[in-house]
Protein backbone atom coordinates (compact mmCIF):
# COMPACT_ATOMS: atom_id res chain seq x y z
CA TRP A 1 0.00 0.00 0.00
CA HIS A 2 2.79 2.44 0.87
CA VAL A 3 4.54 1.82 -2.44
CA GLN A 4 1.31 2.51 -4.34
CA LYS A 5 0.73 5.69 -2.33
CA ALA A 6 4.29 6.89 -2.97
CA ARG A 7 3.95 6.24 -6.70
CA SER A 8 0.65 8.10 -6.78
CA ALA A 9 2.17 11.06 -4.94
CA ARG A 10 5.10 11.21 -7.35
CA ALA A 11 2.78 11.00 -10.34
CA ALA A 12 0.55 13.75 -8.92
CA HIS A 13 3.57 15.99 -8.37
CA GLU A 14 4.75 15.41 -11.93
CA TRP A 15 1.31 16.15 -13.39
CA LEU A 16 1.07 19.35 -11.38
CA ALA A 17 4.54 20.38 -12.53
CA ASP A 18 3.50 19.74 -16.15
CA ALA A 19 0.36 21.80 -15.62
CA MET A 20 2.38 24.64 -14.12
CA ARG A 21 4.69 24.69 -17.14
CA ALA A 22 1.64 24.85 -19.42
CA TYR A 23 0.19 27.73 -17.39
CA GLU A 24 3.51 29.57 -17.70
CA ARG A 25 3.31 29.23 -21.48
CA ALA A 26 -0.34 30.29 -21.45
CA GLU A 27 0.47 33.39 -19.41
CA ALA A 28 2.80 34.59 -22.15
CA LEU A 29 0.01 34.22 -24.72
CA ARG A 30 -2.88 35.57 -22.65
CA ALA A 31 -5.14 38.40 -23.64
CA LYS A 32 -4.72 41.63 -21.69
CA GLY A 33 -6.54 41.37 -18.38
CA ASN A 34 -7.01 37.60 -18.53
CA ASP A 35 -5.34 36.26 -15.39
CA ASP A 36 -6.71 32.70 -15.57
CA ALA A 37 -3.32 31.10 -16.24
CA ILE A 38 -1.73 32.97 -13.33
CA LEU A 39 -4.55 32.04 -10.97
CA ARG A 40 -4.37 28.37 -11.93
CA TRP A 41 -0.57 28.33 -11.56
CA ASN A 42 -0.99 29.82 -8.09
CA ALA A 43 -3.58 27.18 -7.22
CA CYS A 44 -1.08 24.45 -8.14
CA VAL A 45 1.54 26.05 -5.90
CA ARG A 46 -0.88 26.29 -2.98
CA PHE A 47 -1.91 22.66 -3.44
CA LEU A 48 1.70 21.47 -3.53
CA ARG A 49 2.54 23.50 -0.43
CA SER A 50 -0.43 22.09 1.45
CA LEU A 51 0.79 18.54 0.87
CA PRO A 52 4.44 18.36 1.88
CA ALA A 53 4.45 14.59 1.37
CA LEU A 54 4.37 15.20 -2.38
CA GLU A 55 7.95 15.21 -3.56
CA PRO A 56 9.25 14.98 -7.10
CA ASP A 57 10.32 11.59 -8.32
CA LEU A 58 13.99 11.29 -9.11
CA GLU A 59 13.01 9.34 -12.20
CA ARG A 60 10.19 10.29 -14.54
CA PRO A 61 7.15 8.04 -14.12
CA GLU A 62 6.20 5.92 -17.07
CA PRO A 63 3.43 7.43 -19.19
CA ILE A 64 -0.06 6.21 -18.37
CA GLN A 65 -1.79 4.45 -21.24
CA LEU A 66 -5.32 5.78 -21.54
CA GLU A 67 -6.57 3.13 -23.92
């Protein structure tokens, strides 16, 4: 159970990091006055800070097959 939980935490951290990179790109392309990307990036940061057990994996997780 602990191994599964650790893998899930690492995967969640990686997904949030990917989302934050996408929000950074979106911020550069945003329309004047549209702060959605900034607000979502901030939400990711707050979520990561609220869960200190989430730490980045030293190795990238294998991609999840959705099919």
